[in-house]
Amino acid sequence: MLTLKLLQKLVSIPSVFPNEYAISKFVQGYLKKIGFTVKVINTTKKRPNIIAFNKSAKKYLGFYGHLDTVPAATDYKQNPFRVYFEKNRKIARGLGVCDMKAGITAIIKTAEHAVQQNIPVKLVFGVDEENISEGAHDLVNS
């Protein structure tokens, strides 16, 4: 998937904490499709954290990101689950673009490159960062 299309897809999936299930399932499926082994660490049944790796290795290049967003501001006038581009596509706006859906996009696109180059990568995506980081605690404890 092209980078901007992936960003648009991620933003289109509502993931306001504590509702990260749909985005977690999408990311899990995407990573499996590009060759990753995916392990789920649940915070609760509908709040799955993700640990994924593309090959077994003693050392990995690691990335961490969170799947949730804060709610849209009450005075937000546009659809928060759509990406709007400004100034010749140099500025993107939409719920979670800056925190952290563009980051997830960058991590996933880096992961795609790592698979192509046979670089061992481990990805960790947590839930609940925008609240009290329950997902991070569950991931550490796992």
C-alpha atoms as a PDB file:
ATOM      1  CA  MET A   1       0.000   0.000   0.000  1.00  0.00           C
ATOM      2  CA  LEU A   2       1.319   3.461  -0.798  1.00  0.00           C
ATOM      3  CA  THR A   3       2.443   5.490   2.194  1.00  0.00           C
ATOM      4  CA  LEU A   4      -0.250   8.182   2.006  1.00  0.00           C
ATOM      5  CA  LYS A   5      -2.953   5.570   1.395  1.00  0.00           C
ATOM      6  CA  LEU A   6      -1.791   3.697   4.497  1.00  0.00           C
ATOM      7  CA  LEU A   7      -1.926   6.911   6.539  1.00  0.00           C
ATOM      8  CA  GLN A   8      -5.427   7.617   5.240  1.00  0.00           C
ATOM      9  CA  LYS A   9      -6.528   4.084   6.114  1.00  0.00           C
ATOM     10  CA  LEU A  10      -5.129   4.299   9.660  1.00  0.00           C
ATOM     11  CA  VAL A  11      -6.782   7.675  10.293  1.00  0.00           C
ATOM     12  CA  SER A  12     -10.090   6.339   8.944  1.00  0.00           C
ATOM     13  CA  ILE A  13     -10.157   3.679  11.680  1.00  0.00           C
ATOM     14  CA  PRO A  14     -11.523   5.243  14.881  1.00  0.00           C
ATOM     15  CA  SER A  15      -9.199   4.329  17.772  1.00  0.00           C
ATOM     16  CA  VAL A  16     -10.090   6.740  20.554  1.00  0.00           C
ATOM     17  CA  PHE A  17      -9.073   4.996  23.777  1.00  0.00           C
ATOM     18  CA  PRO A  18     -10.355   2.521  24.957  1.00  0.00           C
ATOM     19  CA  ASN A  19     -11.518   1.477  21.475  1.00  0.00           C
ATOM     20  CA  GLU A  20      -8.339   0.233  19.795  1.00  0.00           C
ATOM     21  CA  TYR A  21      -9.636  -3.175  18.660  1.00  0.00           C
ATOM     22  CA  ALA A  22     -10.313  -2.328  14.989  1.00  0.00           C
ATOM     23  CA  ILE A  23      -6.986  -0.612  14.384  1.00  0.00           C
ATOM     24  CA  SER A  24      -5.107  -3.401  16.157  1.00  0.00           C
ATOM     25  CA  LYS A  25      -6.797  -6.009  13.951  1.00  0.00           C
ATOM     26  CA  PHE A  26      -5.952  -3.994  10.820  1.00  0.00           C
ATOM     27  CA  VAL A  27      -2.284  -3.597  11.826  1.00  0.00           C
ATOM     28  CA  GLN A  28      -2.041  -7.292  12.752  1.00  0.00           C
ATOM     29  CA  GLY A  29      -3.424  -8.307   9.361  1.00  0.00           C
ATOM     30  CA  TYR A  30      -1.183  -5.910   7.479  1.00  0.00           C
ATOM     31  CA  LEU A  31       1.925  -7.144   9.274  1.00  0.00           C
ATOM     32  CA  LYS A  32       1.021 -10.793   8.670  1.00  0.00           C
ATOM     33  CA  LYS A  33       0.464 -10.021   4.989  1.00  0.00           C
ATOM     34  CA  ILE A  34       3.985  -8.596   4.627  1.00  0.00           C
ATOM     35  CA  GLY A  35       5.586 -11.548   6.395  1.00  0.00           C
ATOM     36  CA  PHE A  36       5.592 -10.832  10.121  1.00  0.00           C
ATOM     37  CA  THR A  37       4.860 -13.239  12.934  1.00  0.00           C
ATOM     38  CA  VAL A  38       2.359 -11.515  15.214  1.00  0.00           C
ATOM     39  CA  LYS A  39       1.789 -12.117  18.914  1.00  0.00           C
ATOM     40  CA  VAL A  40      -1.080 -10.457  20.776  1.00  0.00           C
ATOM     41  CA  ILE A  41      -0.859  -9.379  24.407  1.00  0.00           C
ATOM     42  CA  ASN A  42      -4.340  -8.388  25.543  1.00  0.00           C
ATOM     43  CA  THR A  43      -4.951  -5.557  27.959  1.00  0.00           C
ATOM     44  CA  THR A  44      -8.569  -6.734  27.825  1.00  0.00           C
ATOM     45  CA  LYS A  45     -10.261  -8.942  25.240  1.00  0.00           C
ATOM     46  CA  LYS A  46     -11.094  -5.978  22.998  1.00  0.00           C
ATOM     47  CA  ARG A  47      -7.795  -4.132  23.577  1.00  0.00           C
ATOM     48  CA  PRO A  48      -5.011  -6.111  21.863  1.00  0.00           C
ATOM     49  CA  ASN A  49      -1.392  -4.965  22.014  1.00  0.00           C
ATOM     50  CA  ILE A  50       0.903  -6.252  19.276  1.00  0.00           C
ATOM     51  CA  ILE A  51       4.412  -7.709  19.231  1.00  0.00           C
ATOM     52  CA  ALA A  52       5.598  -8.624  15.721  1.00  0.00           C
ATOM     53  CA  PHE A  53       8.868  -9.770  14.175  1.00  0.00           C
ATOM     54  CA  ASN A  54       9.899 -10.674  10.653  1.00  0.00           C
ATOM     55  CA  LYS A  55      12.523 -13.314  11.456  1.00  0.00           C
ATOM     56  CA  SER A  56      14.134 -14.996  14.419  1.00  0.00           C
ATOM     57  CA  ALA A  57      17.310 -13.276  15.535  1.00  0.00           C
ATOM     58  CA  LYS A  58      19.322 -12.558  18.671  1.00  0.00           C
ATOM     59  CA  LYS A  59      19.190  -8.812  17.968  1.00  0.00           C
ATOM     60  CA  TYR A  60      16.478  -6.716  16.361  1.00  0.00           C
ATOM     61  CA  LEU A  61      15.992  -3.179  15.210  1.00  0.00           C
ATOM     62  CA  GLY A  62      13.012  -2.241  17.378  1.00  0.00           C
ATOM     63  CA  PHE A  63      10.145   0.205  17.041  1.00  0.00           C
ATOM     64  CA  TYR A  64       7.338   1.090  19.450  1.00  0.00           C
ATOM     65  CA  GLY A  65       4.155   3.022  18.832  1.00  0.00           C
ATOM     66  CA  HIS A  66       0.701   3.338  20.320  1.00  0.00           C
ATOM     67  CA  LEU A  67      -2.588   2.608  18.603  1.00  0.00           C
ATOM     68  CA  ASP A  68      -4.988   4.935  20.419  1.00  0.00           C
ATOM     69  CA  THR A  69      -5.893   8.578  19.985  1.00  0.00           C
ATOM     70  CA  VAL A  70      -7.546  11.190  22.136  1.00  0.00           C
ATOM     71  CA  PRO A  71     -11.104  12.219  21.210  1.00  0.00           C
ATOM     72  CA  ALA A  72     -11.532  14.942  18.602  1.00  0.00           C
ATOM     73  CA  ALA A  73     -11.890  18.433  20.009  1.00  0.00           C
ATOM     74  CA  THR A  74     -15.525  19.425  20.496  1.00  0.00           C
ATOM     75  CA  ASP A  75     -15.081  22.373  18.125  1.00  0.00           C
ATOM     76  CA  TYR A  76     -13.412  20.327  15.361  1.00  0.00           C
ATOM     77  CA  LYS A  77     -15.263  21.233  12.163  1.00  0.00           C
ATOM     78  CA  GLN A  78     -14.023  18.552   9.739  1.00  0.00           C
ATOM     79  CA  ASN A  79     -14.433  14.788   9.725  1.00  0.00           C
ATOM     80  CA  PRO A  80     -11.725  13.715  12.217  1.00  0.00           C
ATOM     81  CA  PHE A  81     -11.380  10.305  10.525  1.00  0.00           C
ATOM     82  CA  ARG A  82     -10.304  11.738   7.195  1.00  0.00           C
ATOM     83  CA  VAL A  83      -6.893  13.085   6.204  1.00  0.00           C
ATOM     84  CA  TYR A  84      -6.891  16.594   4.791  1.00  0.00           C
ATOM     85  CA  PHE A  85      -3.814  17.789   2.943  1.00  0.00           C
ATOM     86  CA  GLU A  86      -2.689  21.397   2.752  1.00  0.00           C
ATOM     87  CA  LYS A  87       0.056  23.252   0.882  1.00  0.00           C
ATOM     88  CA  ASN A  88       0.777  20.788  -1.917  1.00  0.00           C
ATOM     89  CA  ARG A  89       0.369  17.762   0.382  1.00  0.00           C
ATOM     90  CA  LYS A  90       3.124  18.914   2.744  1.00  0.00           C
ATOM     91  CA  ILE A  91       0.789  19.219   5.743  1.00  0.00           C
ATOM     92  CA  ALA A  92      -1.664  16.480   6.719  1.00  0.00           C
ATOM     93  CA  ARG A  93      -4.440  16.939   9.248  1.00  0.00           C
ATOM     94  CA  GLY A  94      -6.780  14.393  10.808  1.00  0.00           C
ATOM     95  CA  LEU A  95      -7.334  12.770  14.195  1.00  0.00           C
ATOM     96  CA  GLY A  96      -4.128  11.074  15.249  1.00  0.00           C
ATOM     97  CA  VAL A  97      -1.998  12.144  12.281  1.00  0.00           C
ATOM     98  CA  CYS A  98       0.655  13.704  14.521  1.00  0.00           C
ATOM     99  CA  ASP A  99       0.123  11.361  17.471  1.00  0.00           C
ATOM    100  CA  MET A 100       0.651   8.664  16.312  1.00  0.00           C
ATOM    101  CA  LYS A 101      -0.840   7.419  13.056  1.00  0.00           C
ATOM    102  CA  ALA A 102       1.825   8.978  10.830  1.00  0.00           C
ATOM    103  CA  GLY A 103       4.352   7.355  13.174  1.00  0.00           C
ATOM    104  CA  ILE A 104       2.644   3.970  12.772  1.00  0.00           C
ATOM    105  CA  THR A 105       2.708   4.512   9.013  1.00  0.00           C
ATOM    106  CA  ALA A 106       6.445   5.241   9.107  1.00  0.00           C
ATOM    107  CA  ILE A 107       7.103   2.180  11.267  1.00  0.00           C
ATOM    108  CA  ILE A 108       5.106  -0.107   8.968  1.00  0.00           C
ATOM    109  CA  LYS A 109       6.770   1.246   5.821  1.00  0.00           C
ATOM    110  CA  THR A 110      10.176   0.758   7.492  1.00  0.00           C
ATOM    111  CA  ALA A 111       9.102  -2.788   8.349  1.00  0.00           C
ATOM    112  CA  GLU A 112       8.262  -3.439   4.695  1.00  0.00           C
ATOM    113  CA  HIS A 113      11.757  -2.299   3.721  1.00  0.00           C
ATOM    114  CA  ALA A 114      13.288  -4.462   6.465  1.00  0.00           C
ATOM    115  CA  VAL A 115      11.526  -7.539   5.066  1.00  0.00           C
ATOM    116  CA  GLN A 116      12.847  -6.781   1.571  1.00  0.00           C
ATOM    117  CA  GLN A 117      16.385  -6.287   2.918  1.00  0.00           C
ATOM    118  CA  ASN A 118      16.272  -9.260   5.320  1.00  0.00           C
ATOM    119  CA  ILE A 119      16.832  -7.005   8.355  1.00  0.00           C
ATOM    120  CA  PRO A 120      15.470  -8.425  11.624  1.00  0.00           C
ATOM    121  CA  VAL A 121      12.886  -6.036  13.033  1.00  0.00           C
ATOM    122  CA  LYS A 122      10.642  -6.211  16.081  1.00  0.00           C
ATOM    123  CA  LEU A 123       7.577  -3.985  16.267  1.00  0.00           C
ATOM    124  CA  VAL A 124       5.565  -3.295  19.386  1.00  0.00           C
ATOM    125  CA  PHE A 125       2.246  -1.450  19.348  1.00  0.00           C
ATOM    126  CA  GLY A 126       0.432  -0.682  22.591  1.00  0.00           C
ATOM    127  CA  VAL A 127      -3.025   0.454  23.564  1.00  0.00           C
ATOM    128  CA  ASP A 128      -4.045   3.106  26.093  1.00  0.00           C
ATOM    129  CA  GLU A 129      -1.073   5.481  25.783  1.00  0.00           C
ATOM    130  CA  GLU A 130      -3.455   8.437  25.752  1.00  0.00           C
ATOM    131  CA  ASN A 131      -4.887   7.387  29.112  1.00  0.00           C
ATOM    132  CA  ILE A 132      -2.719   5.581  31.691  1.00  0.00           C
ATOM    133  CA  SER A 133      -0.618   3.350  29.400  1.00  0.00           C
ATOM    134  CA  GLU A 134      -2.189   0.077  30.477  1.00  0.00           C
ATOM    135  CA  GLY A 135      -0.962  -1.528  27.262  1.00  0.00           C
ATOM    136  CA  ALA A 136       2.657  -0.561  27.921  1.00  0.00           C
ATOM    137  CA  HIS A 137       2.465  -2.088  31.408  1.00  0.00           C
ATOM    138  CA  ASP A 138       0.965  -5.291  29.991  1.00  0.00           C
ATOM    139  CA  LEU A 139       3.624  -5.469  27.296  1.00  0.00           C
ATOM    140  CA  VAL A 140       6.464  -4.989  29.807  1.00  0.00           C
ATOM    141  CA  ASN A 141       4.953  -7.583  32.133  1.00  0.00           C
ATOM    142  CA  SER A 142       4.668 -10.096  29.281  1.00  0.00           C
END
